[in-house]
C-alpha atoms as a PDB file:
ATOM      1  CA  UNK A   1      62.720 213.996 109.417  1.00  0.00           C
ATOM      2  CA  UNK A   2      62.854 217.291 111.150  1.00  0.00           C
ATOM      3  CA  UNK A   3      65.814 219.511 111.695  1.00  0.00           C
ATOM      4  CA  UNK A   4      64.468 220.967 114.810  1.00  0.00           C
ATOM      5  CA  UNK A   5      67.711 222.968 115.773  1.00  0.00           C
ATOM      6  CA  UNK A   6      66.151 226.464 115.428  1.00  0.00           C
ATOM      7  CA  UNK A   7      63.329 225.550 117.607  1.00  0.00           C
ATOM      8  CA  UNK A   8      65.435 225.054 120.478  1.00  0.00           C
ATOM      9  CA  UNK A   9      67.772 228.082 119.817  1.00  0.00           C
ATOM     10  CA  UNK A  10      70.645 226.287 117.953  1.00  0.00           C
ATOM     11  CA  UNK A  11      71.958 226.536 114.560  1.00  0.00           C
ATOM     12  CA  UNK A  12      72.166 223.487 112.346  1.00  0.00           C
ATOM     13  CA  UNK A  13      75.511 224.203 111.122  1.00  0.00           C
ATOM     14  CA  UNK A  14      77.168 221.307 110.389  1.00  0.00           C
ATOM     15  CA  UNK A  15      73.930 219.489 109.012  1.00  0.00           C
ATOM     16  CA  UNK A  16      73.655 222.382 106.775  1.00  0.00           C
ATOM     17  CA  UNK A  17      76.757 222.033 104.818  1.00  0.00           C
ATOM     18  CA  UNK A  18      75.871 218.401 103.647  1.00  0.00           C
ATOM     19  CA  UNK A  19      72.019 219.490 103.269  1.00  0.00           C
ATOM     20  CA  UNK A  20      72.550 222.239 101.103  1.00  0.00           C
ATOM     21  CA  UNK A  21      75.035 220.186  98.650  1.00  0.00           C
ATOM     22  CA  UNK A  22      72.591 217.432  98.686  1.00  0.00           C
ATOM     23  CA  UNK A  23      69.280 219.045  98.542  1.00  0.00           C
ATOM     24  CA  UNK A  24      70.095 222.508  97.149  1.00  0.00           C
ATOM     25  CA  UNK A  25      69.586 226.064  98.541  1.00  0.00           C
ATOM     26  CA  UNK A  26      65.685 226.279  98.432  1.00  0.00           C
ATOM     27  CA  UNK A  27      65.443 223.187 100.169  1.00  0.00           C
ATOM     28  CA  UNK A  28      67.739 223.429 102.852  1.00  0.00           C
ATOM     29  CA  UNK A  29      66.532 226.975 103.775  1.00  0.00           C
ATOM     30  CA  UNK A  30      63.194 225.234 104.014  1.00  0.00           C
ATOM     31  CA  UNK A  31      63.986 222.706 105.840  1.00  0.00           C
ATOM     32  CA  UNK A  32      66.777 224.214 108.217  1.00  0.00           C
ATOM     33  CA  UNK A  33      64.764 227.555 109.008  1.00  0.00           C
ATOM     34  CA  UNK A  34      61.226 226.359 109.663  1.00  0.00           C
ATOM     35  CA  UNK A  35      61.905 222.908 111.998  1.00  0.00           C
ATOM     36  CA  UNK A  36      58.826 221.590 109.956  1.00  0.00           C
ATOM     37  CA  UNK A  37      58.693 217.959 109.657  1.00  0.00           C
ATOM     38  CA  UNK A  38      59.118 216.228 106.529  1.00  0.00           C
ATOM     39  CA  UNK A  39      57.535 213.347 105.056  1.00  0.00           C
ATOM     40  CA  UNK A  40      59.138 210.374 103.319  1.00  0.00           C
ATOM     41  CA  UNK A  41      57.443 211.371 100.197  1.00  0.00           C
ATOM     42  CA  UNK A  42      58.935 214.938 100.378  1.00  0.00           C
ATOM     43  CA  UNK A  43      62.270 213.665 101.177  1.00  0.00           C
ATOM     44  CA  UNK A  44      62.240 211.593  97.906  1.00  0.00           C
ATOM     45  CA  UNK A  45      61.306 214.665  95.895  1.00  0.00           C
ATOM     46  CA  UNK A  46      64.249 216.653  97.298  1.00  0.00           C
ATOM     47  CA  UNK A  47      66.421 213.657  96.348  1.00  0.00           C
ATOM     48  CA  UNK A  48      67.248 212.664 100.246  1.00  0.00           C
ATOM     49  CA  UNK A  49      65.536 209.545  99.838  1.00  0.00           C
ATOM     50  CA  UNK A  50      66.016 206.913  96.980  1.00  0.00           C
ATOM     51  CA  UNK A  51      62.944 205.015  97.730  1.00  0.00           C
ATOM     52  CA  UNK A  52      59.897 205.172  99.951  1.00  0.00           C
ATOM     53  CA  UNK A  53      58.574 201.795 101.352  1.00  0.00           C
ATOM     54  CA  UNK A  54      55.603 201.091 103.536  1.00  0.00           C
ATOM     55  CA  UNK A  55      56.939 200.069 107.052  1.00  0.00           C
ATOM     56  CA  UNK A  56      55.593 196.472 107.057  1.00  0.00           C
ATOM     57  CA  UNK A  57      57.708 195.684 103.819  1.00  0.00           C
ATOM     58  CA  UNK A  58      60.840 197.732 105.055  1.00  0.00           C
ATOM     59  CA  UNK A  59      63.058 194.986 106.147  1.00  0.00           C
ATOM     60  CA  UNK A  60      62.315 192.841 103.350  1.00  0.00           C
ATOM     61  CA  UNK A  61      62.688 195.319 100.814  1.00  0.00           C
ATOM     62  CA  UNK A  62      66.481 196.117 102.801  1.00  0.00           C
ATOM     63  CA  UNK A  63      67.157 192.500 102.219  1.00  0.00           C
ATOM     64  CA  UNK A  64      66.355 192.438  98.826  1.00  0.00           C
ATOM     65  CA  UNK A  65      68.627 195.624  98.203  1.00  0.00           C
ATOM     66  CA  UNK A  66      71.420 193.696 100.253  1.00  0.00           C
ATOM     67  CA  UNK A  67      71.091 190.758  98.003  1.00  0.00           C
ATOM     68  CA  UNK A  68      71.306 192.884  94.782  1.00  0.00           C
ATOM     69  CA  UNK A  69      74.557 194.816  96.059  1.00  0.00           C
ATOM     70  CA  UNK A  70      75.925 191.409  97.206  1.00  0.00           C
ATOM     71  CA  UNK A  71      75.660 189.876  93.822  1.00  0.00           C
ATOM     72  CA  UNK A  72      77.943 192.905  92.317  1.00  0.00           C
ATOM     73  CA  UNK A  73      81.409 193.246  91.967  1.00  0.00           C
ATOM     74  CA  UNK A  74      82.984 194.337  95.405  1.00  0.00           C
ATOM     75  CA  UNK A  75      85.984 195.657  93.627  1.00  0.00           C
ATOM     76  CA  UNK A  76      83.800 198.035  91.369  1.00  0.00           C
ATOM     77  CA  UNK A  77      81.570 198.905  94.227  1.00  0.00           C
ATOM     78  CA  UNK A  78      84.458 200.114  95.844  1.00  0.00           C
ATOM     79  CA  UNK A  79      85.833 201.976  93.106  1.00  0.00           C
ATOM     80  CA  UNK A  80      82.431 203.828  92.316  1.00  0.00           C
ATOM     81  CA  UNK A  81      81.796 204.872  95.982  1.00  0.00           C
ATOM     82  CA  UNK A  82      85.366 206.360  96.199  1.00  0.00           C
ATOM     83  CA  UNK A  83      84.431 208.266  92.899  1.00  0.00           C
ATOM     84  CA  UNK A  84      81.541 209.727  94.143  1.00  0.00           C
ATOM     85  CA  UNK A  85      83.142 210.995  97.196  1.00  0.00           C
ATOM     86  CA  UNK A  86      86.150 212.300  94.933  1.00  0.00           C
ATOM     87  CA  UNK A  87      83.960 213.999  92.171  1.00  0.00           C
ATOM     88  CA  UNK A  88      81.551 215.662  94.972  1.00  0.00           C
ATOM     89  CA  UNK A  89      83.118 219.302  94.957  1.00  0.00           C
ATOM     90  CA  UNK A  90      84.928 219.004  91.483  1.00  0.00           C
ATOM     91  CA  UNK A  91      83.764 221.427  88.620  1.00  0.00           C
ATOM     92  CA  UNK A  92      82.131 219.285  85.702  1.00  0.00           C
ATOM     93  CA  UNK A  93      85.302 219.214  83.546  1.00  0.00           C
ATOM     94  CA  UNK A  94      87.703 218.162  86.337  1.00  0.00           C
ATOM     95  CA  UNK A  95      85.073 215.506  87.292  1.00  0.00           C
ATOM     96  CA  UNK A  96      84.702 214.204  83.908  1.00  0.00           C
ATOM     97  CA  UNK A  97      88.419 214.062  83.600  1.00  0.00           C
ATOM     98  CA  UNK A  98      88.592 211.850  86.790  1.00  0.00           C
ATOM     99  CA  UNK A  99      85.778 209.721  86.054  1.00  0.00           C
ATOM    100  CA  UNK A 100      87.460 208.945  82.290  1.00  0.00           C
ATOM    101  CA  UNK A 101      90.645 208.044  84.417  1.00  0.00           C
ATOM    102  CA  UNK A 102      88.688 205.924  86.697  1.00  0.00           C
ATOM    103  CA  UNK A 103      87.059 204.151  83.796  1.00  0.00           C
ATOM    104  CA  UNK A 104      90.328 203.438  82.569  1.00  0.00           C
ATOM    105  CA  UNK A 105      91.577 202.289  85.644  1.00  0.00           C
ATOM    106  CA  UNK A 106      88.834 199.897  86.534  1.00  0.00           C
ATOM    107  CA  UNK A 107      89.226 198.154  82.994  1.00  0.00           C
ATOM    108  CA  UNK A 108      92.390 196.574  84.047  1.00  0.00           C
ATOM    109  CA  UNK A 109      90.969 194.920  87.157  1.00  0.00           C
ATOM    110  CA  UNK A 110      90.361 191.289  87.602  1.00  0.00           C
ATOM    111  CA  UNK A 111      86.399 191.930  88.453  1.00  0.00           C
ATOM    112  CA  UNK A 112      86.062 193.909  85.260  1.00  0.00           C
ATOM    113  CA  UNK A 113      87.899 191.226  83.242  1.00  0.00           C
ATOM    114  CA  UNK A 114      85.787 188.645  84.723  1.00  0.00           C
ATOM    115  CA  UNK A 115      82.641 190.941  84.345  1.00  0.00           C
ATOM    116  CA  UNK A 116      83.148 190.795  80.507  1.00  0.00           C
ATOM    117  CA  UNK A 117      84.022 187.312  80.149  1.00  0.00           C
ATOM    118  CA  UNK A 118      80.952 186.113  82.278  1.00  0.00           C
ATOM    119  CA  UNK A 119      78.707 188.344  79.956  1.00  0.00           C
ATOM    120  CA  UNK A 120      80.289 187.022  76.688  1.00  0.00           C
ATOM    121  CA  UNK A 121      79.766 183.695  78.111  1.00  0.00           C
ATOM    122  CA  UNK A 122      76.067 184.409  79.407  1.00  0.00           C
ATOM    123  CA  UNK A 123      76.937 183.276  82.749  1.00  0.00           C
ATOM    124  CA  UNK A 124      77.098 184.685  86.435  1.00  0.00           C
ATOM    125  CA  UNK A 125      80.401 186.437  87.335  1.00  0.00           C
ATOM    126  CA  UNK A 126      82.661 184.854  90.080  1.00  0.00           C
ATOM    127  CA  UNK A 127      84.168 187.770  91.801  1.00  0.00           C
ATOM    128  CA  UNK A 128      87.965 187.449  93.233  1.00  0.00           C
ATOM    129  CA  UNK A 129      87.803 190.201  95.480  1.00  0.00           C
END
């Protein structure tokens, strides 16, 4: 990955907002002000990649991730993704309040109730959503 904007006289303005939040000030400065290419291992170390997979295994690993995610509760996944977006810029106390509310809201969903039943009955859940 390379942010080459400064090498061609452009400002990496929009990406700077997201990169600084995700990777931190020091990493964002290094990436945006040097126009240097960063490898997969470096990106993982900066928290910008979840996993590094050799190219020959990439498709198989992506399919494995898709299968793992497809087996999960669609409702819980939707709510978790929404929560991550909601709490991104909140102060810690407000984020914890929102997370506690999300937890309480989720307990009332059919998916959560089915998941708990399936766990207690030692079986795979059957998601309705």
